[in-house]
Amino acid sequence: MSTNLAATAKFGIKDDNVFEIWDWVGGRFSVSSAVGLLPLSLFYGFSIVEDFLKGLNNVDTDFRNLSEPRNAAMMLGLIGFYNTYICGIESRAILPYSQALVRFPAHIQQLDMESNGKGVNMVGSRFASGVNTGPIVFGEPGTNGQHSFYQLMH
C-alpha cells in the first residue's frame, strides 16, 4: 500500500500489485483508514470489518448527539484538555498490566502524539512559546514497566 507508485516501481513492485491510496487522506495509518482496514479485511474477512465500521459509526453518532456526561468521547477529550492545559500535566502513562497488550501503549503513543504533536495551527500560524499541543504519552506493559519507571514513580 502506497501513495507513491513511482517509488514502488523503482523498488521493483508492479503497479498492479500496489494498493494505491491518495496522499491527501488524513490519518493514513489509523486503524479505520484504508491502510488499517485492508489488513483487517484480509485477516478477518469483510463481514467482520463491516461490523467494526458500524461500531465506529456508532461512536461518531454518539459524539455528535449525546450531551455530557453521557458523551464518552467528549468527556475523555475534556479530561485530557483539563489535565494538560488547566493542570499543566505534561505527560500521560498507558500502563497495561497484561503482556497481551504489549503494543497498546505504542499504538496510543502514535495515535495521540502524532495527531496532537503539532507546532502550528490549522491556518499555519505558530503556537505561542510554551503552548503544548498535547502531553507526552509513555508506557510499557507488565514487568518491563514495573522494573523501570514504575519504581521511580512510586
C-alpha atoms as a PDB file:
ATOM      1  CA  MET A   1       0.000   0.000   0.000  1.00  0.00           C
ATOM      2  CA  SER A   2       1.491   3.320  -1.008  1.00  0.00           C
ATOM      3  CA  THR A   3       0.821   6.863  -2.111  1.00  0.00           C
ATOM      4  CA  ASN A   4       3.870   6.813  -4.388  1.00  0.00           C
ATOM      5  CA  LEU A   5       3.649   4.460  -7.381  1.00  0.00           C
ATOM      6  CA  ALA A   6       6.910   5.803  -8.818  1.00  0.00           C
ATOM      7  CA  ALA A   7       8.776   4.776  -5.669  1.00  0.00           C
ATOM      8  CA  THR A   8       7.154   1.333  -5.527  1.00  0.00           C
ATOM      9  CA  ALA A   9       8.009   0.776  -9.230  1.00  0.00           C
ATOM     10  CA  LYS A  10      11.607   1.828  -8.589  1.00  0.00           C
ATOM     11  CA  PHE A  11      11.651  -0.702  -5.733  1.00  0.00           C
ATOM     12  CA  GLY A  12      10.522  -3.373  -8.232  1.00  0.00           C
ATOM     13  CA  ILE A  13       6.834  -3.677  -7.369  1.00  0.00           C
ATOM     14  CA  LYS A  14       4.444  -3.640 -10.330  1.00  0.00           C
ATOM     15  CA  ASP A  15       1.620  -1.091 -10.164  1.00  0.00           C
ATOM     16  CA  ASP A  16      -0.934  -3.925 -10.313  1.00  0.00           C
ATOM     17  CA  ASN A  17       0.449  -5.236  -7.008  1.00  0.00           C
ATOM     18  CA  VAL A  18       0.131  -1.942  -5.138  1.00  0.00           C
ATOM     19  CA  PHE A  19      -2.949  -0.814  -3.237  1.00  0.00           C
ATOM     20  CA  GLU A  20      -2.754   2.883  -4.075  1.00  0.00           C
ATOM     21  CA  ILE A  21      -4.089   5.460  -1.633  1.00  0.00           C
ATOM     22  CA  TRP A  22      -4.314   9.201  -2.044  1.00  0.00           C
ATOM     23  CA  ASP A  23      -1.655  11.352  -0.381  1.00  0.00           C
ATOM     24  CA  TRP A  24      -4.279  13.849   0.816  1.00  0.00           C
ATOM     25  CA  VAL A  25      -6.082  11.327   3.035  1.00  0.00           C
ATOM     26  CA  GLY A  26      -5.507  12.266   6.661  1.00  0.00           C
ATOM     27  CA  GLY A  27      -4.852   9.603   9.254  1.00  0.00           C
ATOM     28  CA  ARG A  28      -3.484   7.169   6.713  1.00  0.00           C
ATOM     29  CA  PHE A  29      -2.088   4.979   9.494  1.00  0.00           C
ATOM     30  CA  SER A  30      -5.276   4.874  11.555  1.00  0.00           C
ATOM     31  CA  VAL A  31      -6.958   1.522  12.086  1.00  0.00           C
ATOM     32  CA  SER A  32     -10.054   2.947  10.361  1.00  0.00           C
ATOM     33  CA  SER A  33      -8.157   4.200   7.283  1.00  0.00           C
ATOM     34  CA  ALA A  34      -7.566   2.314   4.062  1.00  0.00           C
ATOM     35  CA  VAL A  35      -4.154   1.241   5.392  1.00  0.00           C
ATOM     36  CA  GLY A  36      -5.661  -0.067   8.629  1.00  0.00           C
ATOM     37  CA  LEU A  37      -8.774  -1.655   7.161  1.00  0.00           C
ATOM     38  CA  LEU A  38      -7.049  -3.560   4.367  1.00  0.00           C
ATOM     39  CA  PRO A  39      -5.108  -5.950   6.631  1.00  0.00           C
ATOM     40  CA  LEU A  40      -8.111  -6.311   8.940  1.00  0.00           C
ATOM     41  CA  SER A  41     -10.273  -7.248   5.942  1.00  0.00           C
ATOM     42  CA  LEU A  42      -7.731  -9.738   4.644  1.00  0.00           C
ATOM     43  CA  PHE A  43      -7.283 -11.373   8.050  1.00  0.00           C
ATOM     44  CA  TYR A  44     -10.816 -11.330   9.494  1.00  0.00           C
ATOM     45  CA  GLY A  45     -12.977 -11.033   6.379  1.00  0.00           C
ATOM     46  CA  PHE A  46     -15.005  -8.046   5.293  1.00  0.00           C
ATOM     47  CA  SER A  47     -18.166  -9.021   7.200  1.00  0.00           C
ATOM     48  CA  ILE A  48     -16.251  -8.590  10.480  1.00  0.00           C
ATOM     49  CA  VAL A  49     -14.775  -5.301   9.251  1.00  0.00           C
ATOM     50  CA  GLU A  50     -18.280  -4.097   8.340  1.00  0.00           C
ATOM     51  CA  ASP A  51     -19.334  -4.697  11.956  1.00  0.00           C
ATOM     52  CA  PHE A  52     -16.216  -2.820  13.094  1.00  0.00           C
ATOM     53  CA  LEU A  53     -17.143   0.119  10.822  1.00  0.00           C
ATOM     54  CA  LYS A  54     -20.696   0.109  12.206  1.00  0.00           C
ATOM     55  CA  GLY A  55     -19.219   0.342  15.707  1.00  0.00           C
ATOM     56  CA  LEU A  56     -17.034   3.267  14.637  1.00  0.00           C
ATOM     57  CA  ASN A  57     -20.124   4.930  13.168  1.00  0.00           C
ATOM     58  CA  ASN A  58     -21.948   4.428  16.486  1.00  0.00           C
ATOM     59  CA  VAL A  59     -19.104   6.198  18.315  1.00  0.00           C
ATOM     60  CA  ASP A  60     -19.263   9.106  15.834  1.00  0.00           C
ATOM     61  CA  THR A  61     -23.060   9.290  16.173  1.00  0.00           C
ATOM     62  CA  ASP A  62     -22.852   9.290  19.974  1.00  0.00           C
ATOM     63  CA  PHE A  63     -20.219  12.048  19.844  1.00  0.00           C
ATOM     64  CA  ARG A  64     -22.495  14.220  17.704  1.00  0.00           C
ATOM     65  CA  ASN A  65     -25.739  13.518  19.533  1.00  0.00           C
ATOM     66  CA  LEU A  66     -25.141  12.788  23.222  1.00  0.00           C
ATOM     67  CA  SER A  67     -24.701  15.503  25.812  1.00  0.00           C
ATOM     68  CA  GLU A  68     -22.248  15.305  28.678  1.00  0.00           C
ATOM     69  CA  PRO A  69     -21.738  13.343  30.850  1.00  0.00           C
ATOM     70  CA  ARG A  70     -23.084  10.502  28.643  1.00  0.00           C
ATOM     71  CA  ASN A  71     -20.826  11.545  25.740  1.00  0.00           C
ATOM     72  CA  ALA A  72     -17.744   9.421  26.479  1.00  0.00           C
ATOM     73  CA  ALA A  73     -15.608  10.832  23.641  1.00  0.00           C
ATOM     74  CA  MET A  74     -16.317  14.423  24.664  1.00  0.00           C
ATOM     75  CA  MET A  75     -15.688  13.694  28.333  1.00  0.00           C
ATOM     76  CA  LEU A  76     -12.352  11.986  27.574  1.00  0.00           C
ATOM     77  CA  GLY A  77     -11.351  14.961  25.435  1.00  0.00           C
ATOM     78  CA  LEU A  78     -12.341  17.426  28.152  1.00  0.00           C
ATOM     79  CA  ILE A  79     -10.461  15.434  30.800  1.00  0.00           C
ATOM     80  CA  GLY A  80      -7.384  15.440  28.567  1.00  0.00           C
ATOM     81  CA  PHE A  81      -7.726  19.179  27.951  1.00  0.00           C
ATOM     82  CA  TYR A  82      -8.211  19.879  31.661  1.00  0.00           C
ATOM     83  CA  ASN A  83      -5.228  17.778  32.703  1.00  0.00           C
ATOM     84  CA  THR A  84      -2.921  19.242  30.047  1.00  0.00           C
ATOM     85  CA  TYR A  85      -3.926  22.905  29.819  1.00  0.00           C
ATOM     86  CA  ILE A  86      -5.515  23.680  33.173  1.00  0.00           C
ATOM     87  CA  CYS A  87      -3.473  21.450  35.497  1.00  0.00           C
ATOM     88  CA  GLY A  88      -0.268  21.614  33.450  1.00  0.00           C
ATOM     89  CA  ILE A  89       0.254  17.846  33.408  1.00  0.00           C
ATOM     90  CA  GLU A  90       2.712  17.291  30.579  1.00  0.00           C
ATOM     91  CA  SER A  91       2.684  13.512  30.345  1.00  0.00           C
ATOM     92  CA  ARG A  92       0.322  10.555  30.344  1.00  0.00           C
ATOM     93  CA  ALA A  93       1.115   6.931  31.098  1.00  0.00           C
ATOM     94  CA  ILE A  94      -0.519   3.942  29.446  1.00  0.00           C
ATOM     95  CA  LEU A  95       0.346   1.019  31.725  1.00  0.00           C
ATOM     96  CA  PRO A  96      -1.467  -2.203  30.845  1.00  0.00           C
ATOM     97  CA  TYR A  97      -0.691  -4.980  33.285  1.00  0.00           C
ATOM     98  CA  SER A  98      -1.269  -7.731  30.729  1.00  0.00           C
ATOM     99  CA  GLN A  99       1.629  -8.637  28.436  1.00  0.00           C
ATOM    100  CA  ALA A 100      -1.006  -9.416  25.778  1.00  0.00           C
ATOM    101  CA  LEU A 101      -1.380  -5.631  25.415  1.00  0.00           C
ATOM    102  CA  VAL A 102       2.341  -5.172  24.706  1.00  0.00           C
ATOM    103  CA  ARG A 103       1.739  -2.965  21.622  1.00  0.00           C
ATOM    104  CA  PHE A 104      -1.178  -0.972  23.040  1.00  0.00           C
ATOM    105  CA  PRO A 105       0.961   1.828  24.577  1.00  0.00           C
ATOM    106  CA  ALA A 106       2.854   2.221  21.292  1.00  0.00           C
ATOM    107  CA  HIS A 107      -0.445   2.439  19.399  1.00  0.00           C
ATOM    108  CA  ILE A 108      -1.756   5.152  21.722  1.00  0.00           C
ATOM    109  CA  GLN A 109       1.576   6.985  21.509  1.00  0.00           C
ATOM    110  CA  GLN A 110       1.416   7.057  17.716  1.00  0.00           C
ATOM    111  CA  LEU A 111      -2.267   7.899  17.644  1.00  0.00           C
ATOM    112  CA  ASP A 112      -2.161  10.676  20.245  1.00  0.00           C
ATOM    113  CA  MET A 113       1.251  12.264  19.812  1.00  0.00           C
ATOM    114  CA  GLU A 114       1.294  12.177  16.002  1.00  0.00           C
ATOM    115  CA  SER A 115      -2.182  13.672  15.826  1.00  0.00           C
ATOM    116  CA  ASN A 116      -1.620  16.307  18.501  1.00  0.00           C
ATOM    117  CA  GLY A 117       2.107  16.962  18.244  1.00  0.00           C
ATOM    118  CA  LYS A 118       1.906  19.984  16.003  1.00  0.00           C
ATOM    119  CA  GLY A 119       3.749  23.312  16.118  1.00  0.00           C
ATOM    120  CA  VAL A 120       1.276  25.268  14.006  1.00  0.00           C
ATOM    121  CA  ASN A 121      -2.493  25.647  13.924  1.00  0.00           C
ATOM    122  CA  MET A 122      -4.794  24.772  11.010  1.00  0.00           C
ATOM    123  CA  VAL A 123      -4.028  28.041   9.179  1.00  0.00           C
ATOM    124  CA  GLY A 124      -0.251  27.691   9.586  1.00  0.00           C
ATOM    125  CA  SER A 125       0.329  30.134  12.442  1.00  0.00           C
ATOM    126  CA  ARG A 126       2.881  29.036  15.060  1.00  0.00           C
ATOM    127  CA  PHE A 127       1.638  28.370  18.567  1.00  0.00           C
ATOM    128  CA  ALA A 128       2.862  30.756  21.237  1.00  0.00           C
ATOM    129  CA  SER A 129       6.029  29.783  23.075  1.00  0.00           C
ATOM    130  CA  GLY A 130       5.256  27.404  25.909  1.00  0.00           C
ATOM    131  CA  VAL A 131       1.954  26.196  24.428  1.00  0.00           C
ATOM    132  CA  ASN A 132       1.898  22.410  24.337  1.00  0.00           C
ATOM    133  CA  THR A 133      -0.457  20.762  21.879  1.00  0.00           C
ATOM    134  CA  GLY A 134      -0.660  17.562  23.860  1.00  0.00           C
ATOM    135  CA  PRO A 135       1.004  15.502  26.563  1.00  0.00           C
ATOM    136  CA  ILE A 136       3.904  13.134  26.108  1.00  0.00           C
ATOM    137  CA  VAL A 137       2.485   9.614  26.250  1.00  0.00           C
ATOM    138  CA  PHE A 138       4.712   6.893  27.611  1.00  0.00           C
ATOM    139  CA  GLY A 139       4.019   3.349  28.621  1.00  0.00           C
ATOM    140  CA  GLU A 140       5.162  -0.206  28.884  1.00  0.00           C
ATOM    141  CA  PRO A 141       3.258  -3.335  29.837  1.00  0.00           C
ATOM    142  CA  GLY A 142       3.805  -5.763  32.652  1.00  0.00           C
ATOM    143  CA  THR A 143       7.134  -6.394  34.284  1.00  0.00           C
ATOM    144  CA  ASN A 144       9.142  -4.208  31.873  1.00  0.00           C
ATOM    145  CA  GLY A 145       7.367  -1.147  33.218  1.00  0.00           C
ATOM    146  CA  GLN A 146       7.357  -2.427  36.809  1.00  0.00           C
ATOM    147  CA  HIS A 147      11.136  -2.731  36.888  1.00  0.00           C
ATOM    148  CA  SER A 148      11.818   0.641  35.298  1.00  0.00           C
ATOM    149  CA  PHE A 149       9.708   3.776  35.598  1.00  0.00           C
ATOM    150  CA  TYR A 150       7.006   2.312  37.881  1.00  0.00           C
ATOM    151  CA  GLN A 151       9.583   2.072  40.651  1.00  0.00           C
ATOM    152  CA  LEU A 152      10.730   5.640  40.116  1.00  0.00           C
ATOM    153  CA  MET A 153       7.137   6.885  40.086  1.00  0.00           C
ATOM    154  CA  HIS A 154       6.356   5.072  43.356  1.00  0.00           C
END
